[in-house]
């Protein structure tokens, strides 16, 4: 029987926290299933006369903090020869990320299953993706105009302003009723009217957490991670100092998540991190969703097992 080969495109493995790293959890599950694991950084990929290649490190992983991976060999691989490629490079979605999706599309055409689909990664910005589900989102505006920021603030009094290409809560601003700094915030986020930015109605439900709900194939994982803001913060992102509280997904959120989950497989998207505040969707993350390890540590569920079941159905 042919050896199953997995390539994982990710940020430097030497810098991860294995207690919180979802890509690492995926590699552990793949190893349990007998995959040969190849670790690849985005910069290691190349194209030679239409052939997608990568300089890879074949690795063994172990769930021990002291020495959690071992490099077995280094080699040049043809990405199309991989059984599966997981694209797990963290945002921002910059030019290099865009080029990487084109390389991965060549690998896909050569026979590898790429998760999530490269075309989907290009097509669906994690914040703009929500516009396809207006019935589930808070009042939201995407614009380049300072006057639009001001009109939106006049309507809602308390708003959140954020860039379209950020992650981890970077450059997210709350502007309350007095409107302090709204002008300069709009100028910075839009680069003085040259770039689009997003403005949303502030939701006080953030105090109960920004919930990360995971979708695998078309299934909603019944447990989520509520990311609670630190004191004097409006952002629940763990990278911004928030704390995580695993909990069950409530019935109302489950209905919203299920309505979105059913559309994902047809788009080539097998793994999604849905962000919800209250019962409203604020982001649909498909580049490198996280929070698997925190949820699996709290509940008897193997999320990565479900993901690889979905993957292997398609091999």
C-alpha atoms as a PDB file:
ATOM      1  CA  UNK A   1       0.000   0.000   0.000  1.00  0.00           C
ATOM      2  CA  UNK A   2       1.380   3.421  -0.975  1.00  0.00           C
ATOM      3  CA  UNK A   3       2.481   5.685   1.857  1.00  0.00           C
ATOM      4  CA  UNK A   4       0.163   8.636   2.409  1.00  0.00           C
ATOM      5  CA  UNK A   5       2.080  11.900   2.247  1.00  0.00           C
ATOM      6  CA  UNK A   6       1.071  15.136   3.960  1.00  0.00           C
ATOM      7  CA  UNK A   7       2.701  18.535   3.372  1.00  0.00           C
ATOM      8  CA  UNK A   8       1.913  21.292   5.865  1.00  0.00           C
ATOM      9  CA  UNK A   9       2.636  24.846   4.731  1.00  0.00           C
ATOM     10  CA  UNK A  10       2.966  26.922   7.883  1.00  0.00           C
ATOM     11  CA  UNK A  11       4.942  29.521   9.791  1.00  0.00           C
ATOM     12  CA  UNK A  12       8.224  28.409  11.428  1.00  0.00           C
ATOM     13  CA  UNK A  13       7.532  25.295  13.484  1.00  0.00           C
ATOM     14  CA  UNK A  14      10.333  26.187  15.894  1.00  0.00           C
ATOM     15  CA  UNK A  15       8.299  29.162  17.170  1.00  0.00           C
ATOM     16  CA  UNK A  16       4.932  27.520  17.860  1.00  0.00           C
ATOM     17  CA  UNK A  17       3.232  26.868  21.208  1.00  0.00           C
ATOM     18  CA  UNK A  18       2.107  23.260  20.887  1.00  0.00           C
ATOM     19  CA  UNK A  19      -0.541  23.655  23.598  1.00  0.00           C
ATOM     20  CA  UNK A  20      -2.374  26.118  21.357  1.00  0.00           C
ATOM     21  CA  UNK A  21      -1.249  25.323  17.821  1.00  0.00           C
ATOM     22  CA  UNK A  22      -3.941  23.820  15.605  1.00  0.00           C
ATOM     23  CA  UNK A  23      -1.495  22.950  12.801  1.00  0.00           C
ATOM     24  CA  UNK A  24       0.476  20.864  15.300  1.00  0.00           C
ATOM     25  CA  UNK A  25      -2.717  19.067  16.348  1.00  0.00           C
ATOM     26  CA  UNK A  26      -3.362  18.255  12.682  1.00  0.00           C
ATOM     27  CA  UNK A  27       0.149  16.821  12.305  1.00  0.00           C
ATOM     28  CA  UNK A  28      -0.311  14.655  15.405  1.00  0.00           C
ATOM     29  CA  UNK A  29      -3.530  13.236  13.953  1.00  0.00           C
ATOM     30  CA  UNK A  30      -1.931  12.650  10.555  1.00  0.00           C
ATOM     31  CA  UNK A  31       0.996  10.832  12.176  1.00  0.00           C
ATOM     32  CA  UNK A  32      -1.435   8.610  14.106  1.00  0.00           C
ATOM     33  CA  UNK A  33      -2.958   7.696  10.734  1.00  0.00           C
ATOM     34  CA  UNK A  34       0.384   6.758   9.215  1.00  0.00           C
ATOM     35  CA  UNK A  35       1.085   9.802   7.057  1.00  0.00           C
ATOM     36  CA  UNK A  36       4.618  10.805   6.107  1.00  0.00           C
ATOM     37  CA  UNK A  37       4.737  14.445   7.213  1.00  0.00           C
ATOM     38  CA  UNK A  38       6.538  17.176   5.286  1.00  0.00           C
ATOM     39  CA  UNK A  39       6.973  20.584   6.885  1.00  0.00           C
ATOM     40  CA  UNK A  40       7.180  23.464   4.382  1.00  0.00           C
ATOM     41  CA  UNK A  41       7.393  27.211   4.842  1.00  0.00           C
ATOM     42  CA  UNK A  42       5.794  29.490   2.273  1.00  0.00           C
ATOM     43  CA  UNK A  43       9.187  30.767   1.118  1.00  0.00           C
ATOM     44  CA  UNK A  44      10.291  27.188   0.364  1.00  0.00           C
ATOM     45  CA  UNK A  45       7.837  26.718  -2.522  1.00  0.00           C
ATOM     46  CA  UNK A  46       8.782  27.233  -6.169  1.00  0.00           C
ATOM     47  CA  UNK A  47       7.667  26.584  -9.748  1.00  0.00           C
ATOM     48  CA  UNK A  48       9.927  24.909 -12.318  1.00  0.00           C
ATOM     49  CA  UNK A  49       8.417  25.020 -15.809  1.00  0.00           C
ATOM     50  CA  UNK A  50       4.905  24.652 -14.417  1.00  0.00           C
ATOM     51  CA  UNK A  51       5.826  22.056 -11.792  1.00  0.00           C
ATOM     52  CA  UNK A  52       5.095  23.012  -8.164  1.00  0.00           C
ATOM     53  CA  UNK A  53       8.042  22.141  -5.939  1.00  0.00           C
ATOM     54  CA  UNK A  54       9.113  22.715  -2.353  1.00  0.00           C
ATOM     55  CA  UNK A  55      12.147  22.309  -0.146  1.00  0.00           C
ATOM     56  CA  UNK A  56      10.709  20.225   2.676  1.00  0.00           C
ATOM     57  CA  UNK A  57      11.727  18.740   5.999  1.00  0.00           C
ATOM     58  CA  UNK A  58      10.341  15.307   6.738  1.00  0.00           C
ATOM     59  CA  UNK A  59       9.474  15.381  10.437  1.00  0.00           C
ATOM     60  CA  UNK A  60       8.204  13.300  13.339  1.00  0.00           C
ATOM     61  CA  UNK A  61       6.098  15.082  15.973  1.00  0.00           C
ATOM     62  CA  UNK A  62       5.491  14.269  19.620  1.00  0.00           C
ATOM     63  CA  UNK A  63       3.177  15.936  22.114  1.00  0.00           C
ATOM     64  CA  UNK A  64       5.975  16.903  24.497  1.00  0.00           C
ATOM     65  CA  UNK A  65       6.897  20.536  25.056  1.00  0.00           C
ATOM     66  CA  UNK A  66      10.645  19.927  25.424  1.00  0.00           C
ATOM     67  CA  UNK A  67      11.240  18.393  21.986  1.00  0.00           C
ATOM     68  CA  UNK A  68       8.042  18.355  20.005  1.00  0.00           C
ATOM     69  CA  UNK A  69       9.450  17.673  16.544  1.00  0.00           C
ATOM     70  CA  UNK A  70      12.404  15.897  14.970  1.00  0.00           C
ATOM     71  CA  UNK A  71      13.718  16.467  11.454  1.00  0.00           C
ATOM     72  CA  UNK A  72      14.240  13.095   9.783  1.00  0.00           C
ATOM     73  CA  UNK A  73      15.467  14.351   6.404  1.00  0.00           C
ATOM     74  CA  UNK A  74      15.506  17.350   4.077  1.00  0.00           C
ATOM     75  CA  UNK A  75      14.545  17.016   0.438  1.00  0.00           C
ATOM     76  CA  UNK A  76      13.073  18.621  -2.651  1.00  0.00           C
ATOM     77  CA  UNK A  77       9.513  17.399  -3.193  1.00  0.00           C
ATOM     78  CA  UNK A  78       7.013  17.683  -6.020  1.00  0.00           C
ATOM     79  CA  UNK A  79       3.932  19.107  -4.325  1.00  0.00           C
ATOM     80  CA  UNK A  80       1.586  17.318  -6.721  1.00  0.00           C
ATOM     81  CA  UNK A  81       2.936  13.990  -5.396  1.00  0.00           C
ATOM     82  CA  UNK A  82       1.564  14.728  -1.931  1.00  0.00           C
ATOM     83  CA  UNK A  83      -1.671  13.009  -0.942  1.00  0.00           C
ATOM     84  CA  UNK A  84      -2.762  16.097   1.031  1.00  0.00           C
ATOM     85  CA  UNK A  85      -1.454  19.630   1.468  1.00  0.00           C
ATOM     86  CA  UNK A  86      -2.665  21.710   4.415  1.00  0.00           C
ATOM     87  CA  UNK A  87      -2.281  25.454   3.787  1.00  0.00           C
ATOM     88  CA  UNK A  88      -1.784  26.727   7.326  1.00  0.00           C
ATOM     89  CA  UNK A  89       0.182  29.930   6.779  1.00  0.00           C
ATOM     90  CA  UNK A  90      -1.163  32.630   9.084  1.00  0.00           C
ATOM     91  CA  UNK A  91      -2.445  35.912   7.602  1.00  0.00           C
ATOM     92  CA  UNK A  92      -1.874  38.625   6.514  1.00  0.00           C
ATOM     93  CA  UNK A  93      -3.040  37.791   3.020  1.00  0.00           C
ATOM     94  CA  UNK A  94      -0.269  39.648   1.193  1.00  0.00           C
ATOM     95  CA  UNK A  95       1.283  39.234  -2.266  1.00  0.00           C
ATOM     96  CA  UNK A  96       3.407  36.286  -1.111  1.00  0.00           C
ATOM     97  CA  UNK A  97       0.330  34.501   0.228  1.00  0.00           C
ATOM     98  CA  UNK A  98      -1.409  35.138  -3.107  1.00  0.00           C
ATOM     99  CA  UNK A  99       1.517  33.677  -5.047  1.00  0.00           C
ATOM    100  CA  UNK A 100       1.487  30.658  -2.729  1.00  0.00           C
ATOM    101  CA  UNK A 101      -2.134  29.919  -3.632  1.00  0.00           C
ATOM    102  CA  UNK A 102      -1.162  29.856  -7.316  1.00  0.00           C
ATOM    103  CA  UNK A 103       1.656  27.391  -6.588  1.00  0.00           C
ATOM    104  CA  UNK A 104      -0.742  25.241  -4.573  1.00  0.00           C
ATOM    105  CA  UNK A 105      -3.268  25.323  -7.389  1.00  0.00           C
ATOM    106  CA  UNK A 106      -0.633  23.772  -9.659  1.00  0.00           C
ATOM    107  CA  UNK A 107      -0.138  21.059  -7.046  1.00  0.00           C
ATOM    108  CA  UNK A 108      -3.901  20.563  -6.897  1.00  0.00           C
ATOM    109  CA  UNK A 109      -4.097  20.148 -10.667  1.00  0.00           C
ATOM    110  CA  UNK A 110      -1.281  17.588 -10.434  1.00  0.00           C
ATOM    111  CA  UNK A 111      -3.305  15.463  -8.017  1.00  0.00           C
ATOM    112  CA  UNK A 112      -2.810  16.717  -4.451  1.00  0.00           C
ATOM    113  CA  UNK A 113      -5.817  17.527  -2.260  1.00  0.00           C
ATOM    114  CA  UNK A 114      -5.240  21.060  -0.924  1.00  0.00           C
ATOM    115  CA  UNK A 115      -7.129  22.109   2.218  1.00  0.00           C
ATOM    116  CA  UNK A 116      -8.555  24.682   2.086  1.00  0.00           C
ATOM    117  CA  UNK A 117      -8.890  24.995  -1.706  1.00  0.00           C
ATOM    118  CA  UNK A 118      -6.457  27.614  -3.099  1.00  0.00           C
ATOM    119  CA  UNK A 119      -9.150  29.311  -5.167  1.00  0.00           C
ATOM    120  CA  UNK A 120     -11.325  29.677  -2.075  1.00  0.00           C
ATOM    121  CA  UNK A 121      -8.416  31.242  -0.173  1.00  0.00           C
ATOM    122  CA  UNK A 122      -8.156  33.845  -2.951  1.00  0.00           C
ATOM    123  CA  UNK A 123     -11.885  34.385  -3.347  1.00  0.00           C
ATOM    124  CA  UNK A 124     -12.995  34.791   0.259  1.00  0.00           C
ATOM    125  CA  UNK A 125     -11.442  37.467   2.440  1.00  0.00           C
ATOM    126  CA  UNK A 126     -12.214  36.513   6.019  1.00  0.00           C
ATOM    127  CA  UNK A 127     -14.076  39.742   6.774  1.00  0.00           C
ATOM    128  CA  UNK A 128     -15.712  40.289   3.375  1.00  0.00           C
ATOM    129  CA  UNK A 129     -16.909  36.666   3.311  1.00  0.00           C
ATOM    130  CA  UNK A 130     -19.551  37.666   5.872  1.00  0.00           C
ATOM    131  CA  UNK A 131     -21.250  39.876   3.250  1.00  0.00           C
ATOM    132  CA  UNK A 132     -22.624  36.699   1.647  1.00  0.00           C
ATOM    133  CA  UNK A 133     -24.665  36.154   4.828  1.00  0.00           C
ATOM    134  CA  UNK A 134     -26.206  39.585   5.567  1.00  0.00           C
ATOM    135  CA  UNK A 135     -29.003  37.975   7.596  1.00  0.00           C
ATOM    136  CA  UNK A 136     -26.465  36.818  10.198  1.00  0.00           C
ATOM    137  CA  UNK A 137     -24.151  39.826  10.603  1.00  0.00           C
ATOM    138  CA  UNK A 138     -24.302  43.047  12.653  1.00  0.00           C
ATOM    139  CA  UNK A 139     -24.886  46.294  10.765  1.00  0.00           C
ATOM    140  CA  UNK A 140     -21.691  46.473   8.682  1.00  0.00           C
ATOM    141  CA  UNK A 141     -20.187  48.923   6.201  1.00  0.00           C
ATOM    142  CA  UNK A 142     -17.142  48.531   3.942  1.00  0.00           C
ATOM    143  CA  UNK A 143     -15.882  51.816   2.539  1.00  0.00           C
ATOM    144  CA  UNK A 144     -12.931  54.074   1.739  1.00  0.00           C
ATOM    145  CA  UNK A 145     -14.723  57.323   2.669  1.00  0.00           C
ATOM    146  CA  UNK A 146     -14.270  59.285   5.878  1.00  0.00           C
ATOM    147  CA  UNK A 147     -17.776  60.714   5.405  1.00  0.00           C
ATOM    148  CA  UNK A 148     -19.186  57.160   5.503  1.00  0.00           C
ATOM    149  CA  UNK A 149     -17.398  56.495   8.785  1.00  0.00           C
ATOM    150  CA  UNK A 150     -18.931  59.646  10.228  1.00  0.00           C
ATOM    151  CA  UNK A 151     -22.440  58.837   8.970  1.00  0.00           C
ATOM    152  CA  UNK A 152     -22.229  55.277  10.322  1.00  0.00           C
ATOM    153  CA  UNK A 153     -21.090  56.622  13.685  1.00  0.00           C
ATOM    154  CA  UNK A 154     -23.898  59.182  13.736  1.00  0.00           C
ATOM    155  CA  UNK A 155     -26.371  56.343  13.192  1.00  0.00           C
ATOM    156  CA  UNK A 156     -24.998  53.848  15.746  1.00  0.00           C
ATOM    157  CA  UNK A 157     -23.129  56.073  18.254  1.00  0.00           C
ATOM    158  CA  UNK A 158     -20.803  53.198  19.249  1.00  0.00           C
ATOM    159  CA  UNK A 159     -18.830  51.443  16.499  1.00  0.00           C
ATOM    160  CA  UNK A 160     -15.881  49.179  15.702  1.00  0.00           C
ATOM    161  CA  UNK A 161     -13.458  50.089  12.894  1.00  0.00           C
ATOM    162  CA  UNK A 162     -11.008  47.554  11.461  1.00  0.00           C
ATOM    163  CA  UNK A 163      -8.809  46.785   8.447  1.00  0.00           C
ATOM    164  CA  UNK A 164      -9.775  44.035   6.012  1.00  0.00           C
ATOM    165  CA  UNK A 165      -6.392  42.313   6.138  1.00  0.00           C
ATOM    166  CA  UNK A 166      -5.596  42.149   9.854  1.00  0.00           C
ATOM    167  CA  UNK A 167      -5.527  39.216  12.243  1.00  0.00           C
ATOM    168  CA  UNK A 168      -5.319  38.660  15.988  1.00  0.00           C
ATOM    169  CA  UNK A 169      -7.145  41.904  16.768  1.00  0.00           C
ATOM    170  CA  UNK A 170      -4.519  44.200  15.217  1.00  0.00           C
ATOM    171  CA  UNK A 171      -5.608  47.754  14.355  1.00  0.00           C
ATOM    172  CA  UNK A 172      -9.170  47.311  15.646  1.00  0.00           C
ATOM    173  CA  UNK A 173     -10.595  50.501  17.136  1.00  0.00           C
ATOM    174  CA  UNK A 174     -13.740  51.188  19.135  1.00  0.00           C
ATOM    175  CA  UNK A 175     -15.225  54.680  18.745  1.00  0.00           C
ATOM    176  CA  UNK A 176     -17.847  55.468  21.381  1.00  0.00           C
ATOM    177  CA  UNK A 177     -20.516  58.167  21.410  1.00  0.00           C
ATOM    178  CA  UNK A 178     -18.185  61.162  21.739  1.00  0.00           C
ATOM    179  CA  UNK A 179     -16.508  60.231  18.424  1.00  0.00           C
ATOM    180  CA  UNK A 180     -12.985  60.820  19.740  1.00  0.00           C
ATOM    181  CA  UNK A 181     -10.338  60.167  17.068  1.00  0.00           C
ATOM    182  CA  UNK A 182     -12.838  58.933  14.461  1.00  0.00           C
ATOM    183  CA  UNK A 183     -11.303  61.188  11.818  1.00  0.00           C
ATOM    184  CA  UNK A 184      -7.742  60.005  12.286  1.00  0.00           C
ATOM    185  CA  UNK A 185      -8.846  56.357  12.635  1.00  0.00           C
ATOM    186  CA  UNK A 186     -10.659  56.512   9.303  1.00  0.00           C
ATOM    187  CA  UNK A 187      -7.633  58.168   7.689  1.00  0.00           C
ATOM    188  CA  UNK A 188      -5.240  55.514   9.003  1.00  0.00           C
ATOM    189  CA  UNK A 189      -7.423  52.511   8.147  1.00  0.00           C
ATOM    190  CA  UNK A 190      -8.226  53.748   4.633  1.00  0.00           C
ATOM    191  CA  UNK A 191      -4.779  55.266   3.976  1.00  0.00           C
ATOM    192  CA  UNK A 192      -6.543  58.586   3.356  1.00  0.00           C
ATOM    193  CA  UNK A 193      -9.237  57.129   1.166  1.00  0.00           C
ATOM    194  CA  UNK A 194      -7.109  54.683  -0.854  1.00  0.00           C
ATOM    195  CA  UNK A 195      -8.011  51.415   0.915  1.00  0.00           C
ATOM    196  CA  UNK A 196     -11.263  49.791   1.997  1.00  0.00           C
ATOM    197  CA  UNK A 197     -11.934  49.229   5.680  1.00  0.00           C
ATOM    198  CA  UNK A 198     -14.799  47.767   7.689  1.00  0.00           C
ATOM    199  CA  UNK A 199     -17.056  49.488  10.213  1.00  0.00           C
ATOM    200  CA  UNK A 200     -19.489  47.557  12.416  1.00  0.00           C
ATOM    201  CA  UNK A 201     -22.001  48.351  15.103  1.00  0.00           C
ATOM    202  CA  UNK A 202     -20.411  47.761  18.509  1.00  0.00           C
ATOM    203  CA  UNK A 203     -21.967  44.775  20.243  1.00  0.00           C
ATOM    204  CA  UNK A 204     -21.911  44.870  24.063  1.00  0.00           C
ATOM    205  CA  UNK A 205     -22.238  41.068  23.969  1.00  0.00           C
ATOM    206  CA  UNK A 206     -18.451  41.027  23.449  1.00  0.00           C
ATOM    207  CA  UNK A 207     -18.256  41.037  27.264  1.00  0.00           C
ATOM    208  CA  UNK A 208     -19.543  37.436  27.139  1.00  0.00           C
ATOM    209  CA  UNK A 209     -16.865  36.593  24.593  1.00  0.00           C
ATOM    210  CA  UNK A 210     -15.996  36.524  20.917  1.00  0.00           C
ATOM    211  CA  UNK A 211     -16.887  32.906  20.157  1.00  0.00           C
ATOM    212  CA  UNK A 212     -14.782  30.809  17.796  1.00  0.00           C
ATOM    213  CA  UNK A 213     -17.005  28.081  16.360  1.00  0.00           C
ATOM    214  CA  UNK A 214     -15.342  25.453  14.176  1.00  0.00           C
ATOM    215  CA  UNK A 215     -16.896  23.917  11.073  1.00  0.00           C
ATOM    216  CA  UNK A 216     -15.486  20.688   9.651  1.00  0.00           C
ATOM    217  CA  UNK A 217     -16.799  19.695   6.220  1.00  0.00           C
ATOM    218  CA  UNK A 218     -20.481  20.533   6.735  1.00  0.00           C
ATOM    219  CA  UNK A 219     -20.559  19.742  10.469  1.00  0.00           C
ATOM    220  CA  UNK A 220     -20.647  22.296  13.282  1.00  0.00           C
ATOM    221  CA  UNK A 221     -18.389  21.240  16.160  1.00  0.00           C
ATOM    222  CA  UNK A 222     -20.725  21.388  19.213  1.00  0.00           C
ATOM    223  CA  UNK A 223     -18.099  23.076  21.423  1.00  0.00           C
ATOM    224  CA  UNK A 224     -16.479  26.472  20.942  1.00  0.00           C
ATOM    225  CA  UNK A 225     -13.944  28.791  22.551  1.00  0.00           C
ATOM    226  CA  UNK A 226     -15.296  32.079  23.917  1.00  0.00           C
ATOM    227  CA  UNK A 227     -12.456  34.595  23.895  1.00  0.00           C
ATOM    228  CA  UNK A 228     -13.057  37.085  26.679  1.00  0.00           C
ATOM    229  CA  UNK A 229     -11.548  40.592  26.504  1.00  0.00           C
ATOM    230  CA  UNK A 230      -8.969  41.640  29.060  1.00  0.00           C
ATOM    231  CA  UNK A 231      -9.820  44.524  31.380  1.00  0.00           C
ATOM    232  CA  UNK A 232     -10.330  47.834  29.534  1.00  0.00           C
ATOM    233  CA  UNK A 233     -10.263  46.032  26.178  1.00  0.00           C
ATOM    234  CA  UNK A 234     -12.908  45.611  23.482  1.00  0.00           C
ATOM    235  CA  UNK A 235     -11.076  42.798  21.660  1.00  0.00           C
ATOM    236  CA  UNK A 236     -11.437  39.196  22.707  1.00  0.00           C
ATOM    237  CA  UNK A 237      -8.595  37.946  20.502  1.00  0.00           C
ATOM    238  CA  UNK A 238      -6.138  35.781  22.424  1.00  0.00           C
ATOM    239  CA  UNK A 239      -3.284  37.603  20.659  1.00  0.00           C
ATOM    240  CA  UNK A 240      -4.649  40.863  22.121  1.00  0.00           C
ATOM    241  CA  UNK A 241      -4.609  39.572  25.700  1.00  0.00           C
ATOM    242  CA  UNK A 242      -8.013  37.887  25.799  1.00  0.00           C
ATOM    243  CA  UNK A 243      -8.602  34.678  27.725  1.00  0.00           C
ATOM    244  CA  UNK A 244     -10.231  31.548  26.344  1.00  0.00           C
ATOM    245  CA  UNK A 245     -13.242  29.849  27.903  1.00  0.00           C
ATOM    246  CA  UNK A 246     -14.345  26.578  26.236  1.00  0.00           C
ATOM    247  CA  UNK A 247     -18.119  26.135  26.194  1.00  0.00           C
ATOM    248  CA  UNK A 248     -20.938  24.383  24.374  1.00  0.00           C
ATOM    249  CA  UNK A 249     -22.398  26.040  21.299  1.00  0.00           C
ATOM    250  CA  UNK A 250     -25.885  27.296  22.148  1.00  0.00           C
ATOM    251  CA  UNK A 251     -28.925  26.419  20.039  1.00  0.00           C
ATOM    252  CA  UNK A 252     -29.239  29.847  18.397  1.00  0.00           C
ATOM    253  CA  UNK A 253     -25.570  29.938  17.359  1.00  0.00           C
ATOM    254  CA  UNK A 254     -25.786  26.335  16.173  1.00  0.00           C
ATOM    255  CA  UNK A 255     -28.573  27.224  13.716  1.00  0.00           C
ATOM    256  CA  UNK A 256     -26.578  30.129  12.272  1.00  0.00           C
ATOM    257  CA  UNK A 257     -23.379  28.083  12.025  1.00  0.00           C
ATOM    258  CA  UNK A 258     -25.204  25.156  10.389  1.00  0.00           C
ATOM    259  CA  UNK A 259     -26.693  27.453   7.742  1.00  0.00           C
ATOM    260  CA  UNK A 260     -23.184  28.609   6.805  1.00  0.00           C
ATOM    261  CA  UNK A 261     -21.527  25.188   7.176  1.00  0.00           C
ATOM    262  CA  UNK A 262     -23.733  23.581   4.546  1.00  0.00           C
ATOM    263  CA  UNK A 263     -22.275  25.873   1.854  1.00  0.00           C
ATOM    264  CA  UNK A 264     -18.609  25.241   2.623  1.00  0.00           C
ATOM    265  CA  UNK A 265     -17.845  21.850   1.004  1.00  0.00           C
ATOM    266  CA  UNK A 266     -19.080  23.026  -2.409  1.00  0.00           C
ATOM    267  CA  UNK A 267     -16.599  25.907  -2.153  1.00  0.00           C
ATOM    268  CA  UNK A 268     -13.745  23.484  -1.412  1.00  0.00           C
ATOM    269  CA  UNK A 269     -13.565  24.620   2.212  1.00  0.00           C
ATOM    270  CA  UNK A 270     -13.270  21.814   4.766  1.00  0.00           C
ATOM    271  CA  UNK A 271     -12.124  23.722   7.840  1.00  0.00           C
ATOM    272  CA  UNK A 272     -13.613  27.031   9.022  1.00  0.00           C
ATOM    273  CA  UNK A 273     -13.334  29.203  12.095  1.00  0.00           C
ATOM    274  CA  UNK A 274     -16.574  31.148  12.477  1.00  0.00           C
ATOM    275  CA  UNK A 275     -16.385  34.164  14.794  1.00  0.00           C
ATOM    276  CA  UNK A 276     -19.598  35.216  16.539  1.00  0.00           C
ATOM    277  CA  UNK A 277     -20.433  37.914  19.055  1.00  0.00           C
ATOM    278  CA  UNK A 278     -23.867  37.455  20.556  1.00  0.00           C
ATOM    279  CA  UNK A 279     -25.684  35.660  17.752  1.00  0.00           C
ATOM    280  CA  UNK A 280     -24.007  37.672  14.978  1.00  0.00           C
ATOM    281  CA  UNK A 281     -21.217  36.514  12.649  1.00  0.00           C
ATOM    282  CA  UNK A 282     -18.254  38.903  12.486  1.00  0.00           C
ATOM    283  CA  UNK A 283     -15.698  36.868  10.510  1.00  0.00           C
ATOM    284  CA  UNK A 284     -15.465  33.611   8.532  1.00  0.00           C
ATOM    285  CA  UNK A 285     -11.866  32.445   8.880  1.00  0.00           C
ATOM    286  CA  UNK A 286     -10.585  29.966   6.293  1.00  0.00           C
ATOM    287  CA  UNK A 287      -6.855  30.700   5.944  1.00  0.00           C
ATOM    288  CA  UNK A 288      -5.558  29.190   9.184  1.00  0.00           C
ATOM    289  CA  UNK A 289      -8.349  28.759  11.765  1.00  0.00           C
ATOM    290  CA  UNK A 290      -7.233  27.993  15.313  1.00  0.00           C
ATOM    291  CA  UNK A 291      -8.558  27.019  18.790  1.00  0.00           C
ATOM    292  CA  UNK A 292      -8.696  23.244  18.228  1.00  0.00           C
ATOM    293  CA  UNK A 293      -6.309  22.404  21.057  1.00  0.00           C
ATOM    294  CA  UNK A 294      -8.114  24.534  23.625  1.00  0.00           C
ATOM    295  CA  UNK A 295     -11.461  22.916  22.768  1.00  0.00           C
ATOM    296  CA  UNK A 296     -10.043  19.375  22.643  1.00  0.00           C
ATOM    297  CA  UNK A 297      -8.395  19.899  26.041  1.00  0.00           C
ATOM    298  CA  UNK A 298     -11.777  20.711  27.592  1.00  0.00           C
ATOM    299  CA  UNK A 299     -14.120  18.244  25.876  1.00  0.00           C
ATOM    300  CA  UNK A 300     -14.010  14.594  24.731  1.00  0.00           C
ATOM    301  CA  UNK A 301     -13.786  15.309  21.002  1.00  0.00           C
ATOM    302  CA  UNK A 302     -11.200  14.753  18.272  1.00  0.00           C
ATOM    303  CA  UNK A 303     -11.720  17.658  15.873  1.00  0.00           C
ATOM    304  CA  UNK A 304      -8.668  16.844  13.777  1.00  0.00           C
ATOM    305  CA  UNK A 305      -9.936  13.279  13.517  1.00  0.00           C
ATOM    306  CA  UNK A 306     -13.136  14.613  11.982  1.00  0.00           C
ATOM    307  CA  UNK A 307     -11.098  16.758   9.585  1.00  0.00           C
ATOM    308  CA  UNK A 308      -8.998  13.818   8.408  1.00  0.00           C
ATOM    309  CA  UNK A 309     -12.136  11.703   8.030  1.00  0.00           C
ATOM    310  CA  UNK A 310     -13.443  14.411   5.686  1.00  0.00           C
ATOM    311  CA  UNK A 311     -10.103  14.579   3.863  1.00  0.00           C
ATOM    312  CA  UNK A 312      -9.849  10.822   3.402  1.00  0.00           C
ATOM    313  CA  UNK A 313     -13.368  10.662   1.946  1.00  0.00           C
ATOM    314  CA  UNK A 314     -11.964  12.782  -0.888  1.00  0.00           C
ATOM    315  CA  UNK A 315      -8.695  10.939  -1.522  1.00  0.00           C
END
